[in-house]
Structure formats: structure tokens, C-alpha cells
Amino acid sequence: MNNPDRKRQRILILTAAVLFTGLWMLPHREEKDSSAKQPEPATLDEKITEAIQIIQGGKEPPMKGIGLLREVLQEDPGNIRALNTLGVFSLVSGQAEKAEERFREILGLDSTQTEAWFYLGEAKLMQGDTASARSAYQDYLHRAPEGGSRAEAETRIASMEK
């Protein structure tokens, strides 16, 4: 394997690790007995939380959770949490173009959403567009507070410069 292929492989492995961690860190609720009829979620935020639980839980088809997220967006097309959740799930499932759309939509609504800048970088990197990925990571670093995914963004930028 030549040097550019190794570099790309390392970047993809790092990307997968960060995405898995991000997915795992999304808020979720404790499992409940599914034999009892669950009441319908009352708020959009509750629908999003339920959708995340369904997708992460693995006991129900993930598309049921995706459907709930789409319902939220029908009621509130600018719901940043729903857009972000769909974007992260798009990244995890390898749909980088769809993820990019979601994160660009978030940034169009509110460019201060630092997490969207980071994940936009991840989407562009998955697509092989290192220049755009670098730019998104730099925008993330410019806006993000200390902590968060700063170290990952700095690592990505450094690995692209080698």
C-alpha cells in the first residue's frame, strides 16, 4: 500500500472512531419494557430522543427512528437537533453527501453551531474533498470552545498536511 493510500486509510479509521463516539454520546433514554404500549411523545424534543433510542437500541427497525425524525422536521423544518441527528446517522451509514446537506442546512440556519462545522468536515473528508474538509475543520476550530472535538479536528488538519 503506497503512502497516500495509508494516509487515507488512517483518516477513514479516525473518522469512523469519531463518528462512533459521537453517535454513542447522543442522548438516549433507558430501555423500557416494550410489551407495554408506549404513549406517543408529547414534544418534538421527546420525539427526537425516542428516535435516537430506537436507532441505538437495535430492537426496532432503525427506519422507525428515522421516520420520527422526519416527522419532527415536517412540524419544524428548522429543528437543529433533528437535522444534526439525521446528519450524524447519515455519516455513520456512509451517506456523506446526505450528511453534508444536513450540516449545511444547519449552518444556513445558525452558523454558530460548532458541531455542524466539525461534522461537515467529516462529511467532506469521507467524500475525499480534503480542501473543503480542512476549511470546515478550521471553521470549527475558529468557533469552538476549548474541549469538544478540537483535538480530533487538529489531528485531521495535521494529517492532511503530511
Protein backbone atom coordinates (compact mmCIF):
# COMPACT_ATOMS: atom_id res chain seq x y z
CA MET A 1 0.00 0.00 0.00
CA ASN A 2 1.51 3.33 -1.01
CA ASN A 3 1.79 6.36 1.28
CA PRO A 4 -1.33 8.26 0.07
CA ASP A 5 -3.42 5.09 0.48
CA ARG A 6 -2.12 4.55 4.02
CA LYS A 7 -2.84 8.18 4.87
CA ARG A 8 -6.39 7.91 3.53
CA GLN A 9 -6.91 4.65 5.43
CA ARG A 10 -5.74 6.27 8.69
CA ILE A 11 -8.03 9.23 8.11
CA LEU A 12 -11.01 6.95 7.44
CA ILE A 13 -10.29 4.90 10.58
CA LEU A 14 -10.06 8.08 12.68
CA THR A 15 -13.27 9.37 11.11
CA ALA A 16 -15.10 6.14 11.90
CA ALA A 17 -13.88 6.26 15.51
CA VAL A 18 -15.04 9.86 15.98
CA LEU A 19 -18.41 9.16 14.36
CA PHE A 20 -18.97 6.11 16.53
CA THR A 21 -18.11 8.14 19.63
CA GLY A 22 -20.42 10.96 18.52
CA LEU A 23 -23.27 8.54 17.91
CA TRP A 24 -22.72 6.89 21.26
CA MET A 25 -22.74 10.26 23.03
CA LEU A 26 -26.08 11.33 21.58
CA PRO A 27 -28.60 11.48 24.41
CA HIS A 28 -30.68 8.37 24.89
CA ARG A 29 -33.18 7.06 27.41
CA GLU A 30 -33.12 3.94 29.49
CA GLU A 31 -34.68 0.86 27.90
CA LYS A 32 -38.26 0.23 28.98
CA ASP A 33 -40.44 -2.85 28.77
CA SER A 34 -41.56 -2.81 25.13
CA SER A 35 -44.51 -5.13 25.83
CA ALA A 36 -46.44 -2.24 27.39
CA LYS A 37 -47.95 0.24 24.93
CA GLN A 38 -45.79 3.34 24.91
CA PRO A 39 -47.58 6.71 24.93
CA GLU A 40 -46.91 8.99 21.98
CA PRO A 41 -44.15 11.51 22.68
CA ALA A 42 -45.66 14.88 23.56
CA THR A 43 -42.97 17.23 22.33
CA LEU A 44 -40.65 17.40 19.36
CA ASP A 45 -37.68 17.01 21.68
CA GLU A 46 -39.21 13.83 23.11
CA LYS A 47 -39.73 12.52 19.57
CA ILE A 48 -36.06 13.13 18.79
CA THR A 49 -34.98 11.39 21.99
CA GLU A 50 -37.24 8.43 21.19
CA ALA A 51 -35.87 8.27 17.63
CA ILE A 52 -32.30 8.14 18.95
CA GLN A 53 -33.27 5.40 21.40
CA ILE A 54 -34.89 3.35 18.63
CA ILE A 55 -31.89 3.68 16.33
CA GLN A 56 -29.32 2.97 19.04
CA GLY A 57 -31.35 0.25 20.74
CA GLY A 58 -31.36 -2.17 17.84
CA LYS A 59 -34.65 -3.76 18.92
CA GLU A 60 -36.75 -1.94 16.34
CA PRO A 61 -36.04 -1.12 12.71
CA PRO A 62 -33.81 1.98 12.51
CA MET A 63 -36.11 3.42 9.84
CA LYS A 64 -38.80 3.80 12.52
CA GLY A 65 -36.50 6.22 14.33
CA ILE A 66 -35.59 7.97 11.09
CA GLY A 67 -39.33 8.31 10.42
CA LEU A 68 -39.82 10.04 13.77
CA LEU A 69 -37.02 12.46 12.94
CA ARG A 70 -38.65 13.22 9.60
CA GLU A 71 -41.96 13.85 11.39
CA VAL A 72 -40.19 16.37 13.60
CA LEU A 73 -38.82 18.12 10.51
CA GLN A 74 -42.29 18.20 8.94
CA GLU A 75 -43.56 20.03 12.02
CA ASP A 76 -40.43 22.16 12.47
CA PRO A 77 -38.23 22.23 9.33
CA GLY A 78 -35.55 24.22 11.15
CA ASN A 79 -35.17 21.87 14.11
CA ILE A 80 -31.40 21.83 14.51
CA ARG A 81 -31.33 18.83 16.85
CA ALA A 82 -33.31 16.69 14.38
CA LEU A 83 -31.16 17.84 11.45
CA ASN A 84 -27.97 17.16 13.41
CA THR A 85 -29.15 13.70 14.46
CA LEU A 86 -30.07 12.79 10.87
CA GLY A 87 -26.72 14.15 9.71
CA VAL A 88 -24.77 12.04 12.19
CA PHE A 89 -26.74 8.92 11.28
CA SER A 90 -26.08 9.67 7.60
CA LEU A 91 -22.35 9.81 8.32
CA VAL A 92 -22.43 6.57 10.30
CA SER A 93 -24.28 4.82 7.47
CA GLY A 94 -21.79 6.11 4.87
CA GLN A 95 -24.13 8.65 3.26
CA ALA A 96 -21.64 11.51 3.22
CA GLU A 97 -23.50 13.58 0.61
CA LYS A 98 -26.75 13.43 2.58
CA ALA A 99 -24.87 14.28 5.78
CA GLU A 100 -23.27 17.26 4.06
CA GLU A 101 -26.75 18.52 3.06
CA ARG A 102 -27.97 18.27 6.66
CA PHE A 103 -24.97 20.07 8.14
CA ARG A 104 -25.07 22.80 5.50
CA GLU A 105 -28.77 23.26 6.28
CA ILE A 106 -27.94 23.65 9.98
CA LEU A 107 -25.20 26.18 9.22
CA GLY A 108 -27.60 28.09 6.98
CA LEU A 109 -29.95 28.37 9.94
CA ASP A 110 -27.26 29.13 12.53
CA SER A 111 -23.59 29.37 11.59
CA THR A 112 -22.60 29.30 15.28
CA GLN A 113 -23.46 25.59 15.53
CA THR A 114 -19.86 24.46 16.01
CA GLU A 115 -20.65 20.75 15.95
CA ALA A 116 -22.10 21.14 12.45
CA TRP A 117 -18.79 22.62 11.24
CA PHE A 118 -16.90 19.62 12.61
CA TYR A 119 -19.29 17.08 11.07
CA LEU A 120 -19.29 18.97 7.77
CA GLY A 121 -15.53 18.41 7.78
CA GLU A 122 -16.12 14.70 8.42
CA ALA A 123 -18.58 14.50 5.50
CA LYS A 124 -16.22 16.28 3.12
CA LEU A 125 -13.34 14.05 4.23
CA MET A 126 -15.44 10.94 3.57
CA GLN A 127 -16.06 12.29 0.07
CA GLY A 128 -12.32 12.74 -0.46
CA ASP A 129 -12.54 16.54 -0.63
CA THR A 130 -9.64 17.34 1.69
CA ALA A 131 -9.55 21.07 0.86
CA SER A 132 -13.20 21.53 1.89
CA ALA A 133 -12.72 19.25 4.89
CA ARG A 134 -9.73 21.29 6.06
CA SER A 135 -11.72 24.50 5.64
CA ALA A 136 -14.65 23.14 7.67
CA TYR A 137 -12.33 21.90 10.43
CA GLN A 138 -10.63 25.31 10.54
CA ASP A 139 -14.04 27.00 10.80
CA TYR A 140 -14.84 24.61 13.64
CA LEU A 141 -11.58 25.45 15.46
CA HIS A 142 -12.21 29.18 14.96
CA ARG A 143 -15.66 28.95 16.59
CA ALA A 144 -15.43 26.06 19.05
CA PRO A 145 -14.77 26.47 22.75
CA GLU A 146 -11.96 24.50 24.37
CA GLY A 147 -12.56 20.77 24.61
CA GLY A 148 -15.16 19.13 22.42
CA SER A 149 -13.70 17.73 19.22
CA ARG A 150 -10.85 20.25 18.95
CA ALA A 151 -8.13 17.61 19.26
CA GLU A 152 -9.76 15.49 16.55
CA ALA A 153 -10.08 18.48 14.21
CA GLU A 154 -6.45 19.46 14.81
CA THR A 155 -5.36 15.86 14.15
CA ARG A 156 -7.36 15.74 10.91
CA ILE A 157 -5.84 19.00 9.67
CA ALA A 158 -2.32 17.86 10.59
CA SER A 159 -2.79 14.51 8.83
CA MET A 160 -3.95 16.28 5.65
CA GLU A 161 -0.83 18.45 5.64
CA LYS A 162 1.58 15.49 5.67
